Amino acid sequence: PEVVVDSKTGFLVKSKSPHELAAKIILCIEEKEKTHQVVLNAKEKIINDFSMENMVSSYERRYENLFLMVSYS
């Protein structure tokens, strides 16, 4: 759920739904431009949201907030 937004950064199908899976595969084959855009969107999301720099910054902010909470307790 953090990465895949249906038809924007990937394609979601219900579990145990082979017909829905087949339909998404056919969509990918028939709509190459849309599929290509979804791939680009996913790559951009991964680079922006899950890069090493962003992950480190996120952890730093969490530790700083935790330190502030403990310091004021």
N, C-alpha and C. Protein backbone atom coordinates (compact mmCIF):
# COMPACT_ATOMS: atom_id res chain seq x y z
N PRO A 1 0.81 -1.23 0.00
CA PRO A 1 0.00 0.00 0.00
C PRO A 1 0.85 1.28 0.00
N GLU A 2 2.10 1.18 0.46
CA GLU A 2 2.97 2.36 0.44
C GLU A 2 3.47 2.67 -0.96
N VAL A 3 3.49 1.68 -1.82
CA VAL A 3 4.07 1.86 -3.14
C VAL A 3 3.03 1.81 -4.25
N VAL A 4 2.16 0.82 -4.21
CA VAL A 4 1.25 0.58 -5.33
C VAL A 4 -0.08 1.30 -5.16
N VAL A 5 -0.32 2.22 -6.06
CA VAL A 5 -1.62 2.87 -6.19
C VAL A 5 -2.17 2.36 -7.52
N ASP A 6 -3.29 1.67 -7.47
CA ASP A 6 -3.81 0.99 -8.65
C ASP A 6 -3.90 1.91 -9.86
N SER A 7 -3.32 1.46 -10.94
CA SER A 7 -3.29 2.13 -12.24
C SER A 7 -2.46 3.42 -12.25
N LYS A 8 -1.76 3.71 -11.15
CA LYS A 8 -0.86 4.87 -11.12
C LYS A 8 0.58 4.42 -10.94
N THR A 9 0.84 3.55 -9.96
CA THR A 9 2.20 3.05 -9.73
C THR A 9 2.25 1.53 -9.79
N GLY A 10 1.20 0.93 -10.26
CA GLY A 10 1.14 -0.52 -10.38
C GLY A 10 -0.30 -0.94 -10.64
N PHE A 11 -0.51 -2.24 -10.61
CA PHE A 11 -1.86 -2.76 -10.82
C PHE A 11 -2.19 -3.72 -9.69
N LEU A 12 -3.31 -3.52 -9.08
CA LEU A 12 -3.76 -4.39 -8.00
C LEU A 12 -4.84 -5.33 -8.50
N VAL A 13 -4.80 -6.56 -8.02
CA VAL A 13 -5.86 -7.53 -8.31
C VAL A 13 -6.22 -8.22 -7.00
N LYS A 14 -7.46 -8.66 -6.93
CA LYS A 14 -7.90 -9.38 -5.74
C LYS A 14 -7.23 -10.74 -5.68
N SER A 15 -6.97 -11.17 -4.47
CA SER A 15 -6.40 -12.49 -4.25
C SER A 15 -7.34 -13.57 -4.79
N LYS A 16 -6.76 -14.59 -5.36
CA LYS A 16 -7.51 -15.74 -5.90
C LYS A 16 -8.52 -15.31 -6.96
N SER A 17 -8.10 -14.38 -7.79
CA SER A 17 -8.97 -13.90 -8.87
C SER A 17 -8.24 -13.99 -10.21
N PRO A 18 -8.16 -15.20 -10.75
CA PRO A 18 -7.41 -15.36 -12.00
C PRO A 18 -7.97 -14.56 -13.18
N HIS A 19 -9.28 -14.37 -13.20
CA HIS A 19 -9.88 -13.60 -14.31
C HIS A 19 -9.46 -12.13 -14.22
N GLU A 20 -9.43 -11.60 -13.02
CA GLU A 20 -9.01 -10.22 -12.85
C GLU A 20 -7.52 -10.07 -13.18
N LEU A 21 -6.72 -11.04 -12.77
CA LEU A 21 -5.29 -11.02 -13.09
C LEU A 21 -5.09 -11.07 -14.60
N ALA A 22 -5.82 -11.96 -15.27
CA ALA A 22 -5.72 -12.06 -16.73
C ALA A 22 -6.11 -10.75 -17.40
N ALA A 23 -7.15 -10.11 -16.89
CA ALA A 23 -7.60 -8.84 -17.46
C ALA A 23 -6.52 -7.77 -17.32
N LYS A 24 -5.83 -7.73 -16.17
CA LYS A 24 -4.76 -6.74 -15.98
C LYS A 24 -3.58 -7.04 -16.89
N ILE A 25 -3.27 -8.31 -17.07
CA ILE A 25 -2.16 -8.67 -17.97
C ILE A 25 -2.50 -8.25 -19.39
N ILE A 26 -3.71 -8.51 -19.81
CA ILE A 26 -4.15 -8.10 -21.16
C ILE A 26 -4.09 -6.59 -21.30
N LEU A 27 -4.53 -5.87 -20.25
CA LEU A 27 -4.47 -4.40 -20.26
C LEU A 27 -3.02 -3.95 -20.47
N CYS A 28 -2.08 -4.57 -19.78
CA CYS A 28 -0.67 -4.20 -19.91
C CYS A 28 -0.15 -4.44 -21.32
N ILE A 29 -0.60 -5.52 -21.93
CA ILE A 29 -0.16 -5.85 -23.29
C ILE A 29 -0.78 -4.90 -24.30
N GLU A 30 -2.06 -4.62 -24.14
CA GLU A 30 -2.78 -3.81 -25.13
C GLU A 30 -2.54 -2.31 -24.98
N GLU A 31 -2.33 -1.86 -23.76
CA GLU A 31 -2.16 -0.43 -23.52
C GLU A 31 -0.73 -0.13 -23.07
N LYS A 32 0.17 -0.27 -24.03
CA LYS A 32 1.60 -0.14 -23.74
C LYS A 32 1.97 1.25 -23.20
N GLU A 33 1.36 2.30 -23.73
CA GLU A 33 1.67 3.65 -23.25
C GLU A 33 1.26 3.82 -21.79
N LYS A 34 0.07 3.35 -21.44
CA LYS A 34 -0.39 3.42 -20.06
C LYS A 34 0.53 2.62 -19.15
N THR A 35 0.88 1.42 -19.57
CA THR A 35 1.76 0.57 -18.79
C THR A 35 3.12 1.23 -18.60
N HIS A 36 3.64 1.82 -19.66
CA HIS A 36 4.93 2.52 -19.57
C HIS A 36 4.84 3.67 -18.57
N GLN A 37 3.75 4.42 -18.60
CA GLN A 37 3.59 5.54 -17.66
C GLN A 37 3.50 5.04 -16.23
N VAL A 38 2.82 3.92 -16.01
CA VAL A 38 2.73 3.34 -14.67
C VAL A 38 4.12 2.95 -14.17
N VAL A 39 4.91 2.37 -15.04
CA VAL A 39 6.29 1.99 -14.67
C VAL A 39 7.10 3.24 -14.31
N LEU A 40 7.00 4.29 -15.10
CA LEU A 40 7.72 5.53 -14.80
C LEU A 40 7.25 6.13 -13.48
N ASN A 41 5.95 6.12 -13.25
CA ASN A 41 5.41 6.64 -11.99
C ASN A 41 5.94 5.85 -10.80
N ALA A 42 5.98 4.53 -10.93
CA ALA A 42 6.46 3.68 -9.85
C ALA A 42 7.94 3.96 -9.57
N LYS A 43 8.72 4.08 -10.62
CA LYS A 43 10.15 4.36 -10.46
C LYS A 43 10.35 5.70 -9.75
N GLU A 44 9.61 6.70 -10.16
CA GLU A 44 9.72 8.02 -9.54
C GLU A 44 9.33 7.96 -8.06
N LYS A 45 8.27 7.24 -7.75
CA LYS A 45 7.82 7.12 -6.36
C LYS A 45 8.88 6.44 -5.51
N ILE A 46 9.46 5.38 -6.03
CA ILE A 46 10.50 4.66 -5.28
C ILE A 46 11.70 5.57 -5.05
N ILE A 47 12.14 6.27 -6.08
CA ILE A 47 13.30 7.16 -5.95
C ILE A 47 13.01 8.27 -4.95
N ASN A 48 11.82 8.88 -5.04
CA ASN A 48 11.48 10.00 -4.17
C ASN A 48 11.18 9.58 -2.74
N ASP A 49 10.45 8.50 -2.57
CA ASP A 49 9.97 8.13 -1.23
C ASP A 49 10.86 7.12 -0.51
N PHE A 50 11.64 6.37 -1.23
CA PHE A 50 12.37 5.27 -0.61
C PHE A 50 13.88 5.31 -0.90
N SER A 51 14.37 6.46 -1.28
CA SER A 51 15.82 6.57 -1.50
C SER A 51 16.51 6.46 -0.15
N MET A 52 17.77 6.12 -0.17
CA MET A 52 18.54 6.00 1.07
C MET A 52 18.53 7.33 1.82
N GLU A 53 18.70 8.43 1.10
CA GLU A 53 18.74 9.75 1.74
C GLU A 53 17.42 10.05 2.45
N ASN A 54 16.30 9.78 1.79
CA ASN A 54 15.00 10.04 2.40
C ASN A 54 14.75 9.13 3.59
N MET A 55 15.15 7.89 3.49
CA MET A 55 14.95 6.97 4.60
C MET A 55 15.78 7.40 5.81
N VAL A 56 17.03 7.80 5.57
CA VAL A 56 17.89 8.27 6.66
C VAL A 56 17.29 9.52 7.30
N SER A 57 16.84 10.46 6.47
CA SER A 57 16.23 11.69 7.00
C SER A 57 15.00 11.38 7.83
N SER A 58 14.21 10.45 7.37
CA SER A 58 13.01 10.06 8.10
C SER A 58 13.37 9.48 9.47
N TYR A 59 14.36 8.60 9.51
CA TYR A 59 14.79 8.03 10.79
C TYR A 59 15.37 9.10 11.71
N GLU A 60 16.13 10.02 11.14
CA GLU A 60 16.70 11.10 11.95
C GLU A 60 15.59 11.93 12.60
N ARG A 61 14.57 12.28 11.82
CA ARG A 61 13.45 13.06 12.38
C ARG A 61 12.75 12.28 13.49
N ARG A 62 12.56 10.98 13.28
CA ARG A 62 11.90 10.17 14.31
C ARG A 62 12.72 10.13 15.59
N TYR A 63 14.03 9.93 15.47
CA TYR A 63 14.89 9.89 16.66
C TYR A 63 14.94 11.25 17.35
N GLU A 64 14.97 12.32 16.56
CA GLU A 64 14.98 13.66 17.16
C GLU A 64 13.69 13.90 17.93
N ASN A 65 12.55 13.53 17.36
CA ASN A 65 11.27 13.69 18.04
C ASN A 65 11.21 12.83 19.31
N LEU A 66 11.71 11.63 19.21
CA LEU A 66 11.74 10.75 20.37
C LEU A 66 12.63 11.34 21.47
N PHE A 67 13.78 11.86 21.08
CA PHE A 67 14.70 12.48 22.04
C PHE A 67 14.02 13.67 22.71
N LEU A 68 13.31 14.49 21.93
CA LEU A 68 12.62 15.65 22.51
C LEU A 68 11.53 15.21 23.48
N MET A 69 10.80 14.17 23.12
CA MET A 69 9.74 13.66 24.00
C MET A 69 10.34 13.17 25.32
N VAL A 70 11.44 12.46 25.26
CA VAL A 70 12.08 11.91 26.46
C VAL A 70 12.69 13.04 27.29
N SER A 71 13.28 14.04 26.63
CA SER A 71 13.91 15.15 27.33
C SER A 71 12.92 15.98 28.13
N TYR A 72 11.71 16.13 27.62
CA TYR A 72 10.71 16.95 28.28
C TYR A 72 9.84 16.17 29.26
N SER A 73 10.07 14.88 29.36
CA SER A 73 9.26 14.06 30.27
C SER A 73 9.74 14.17 31.69
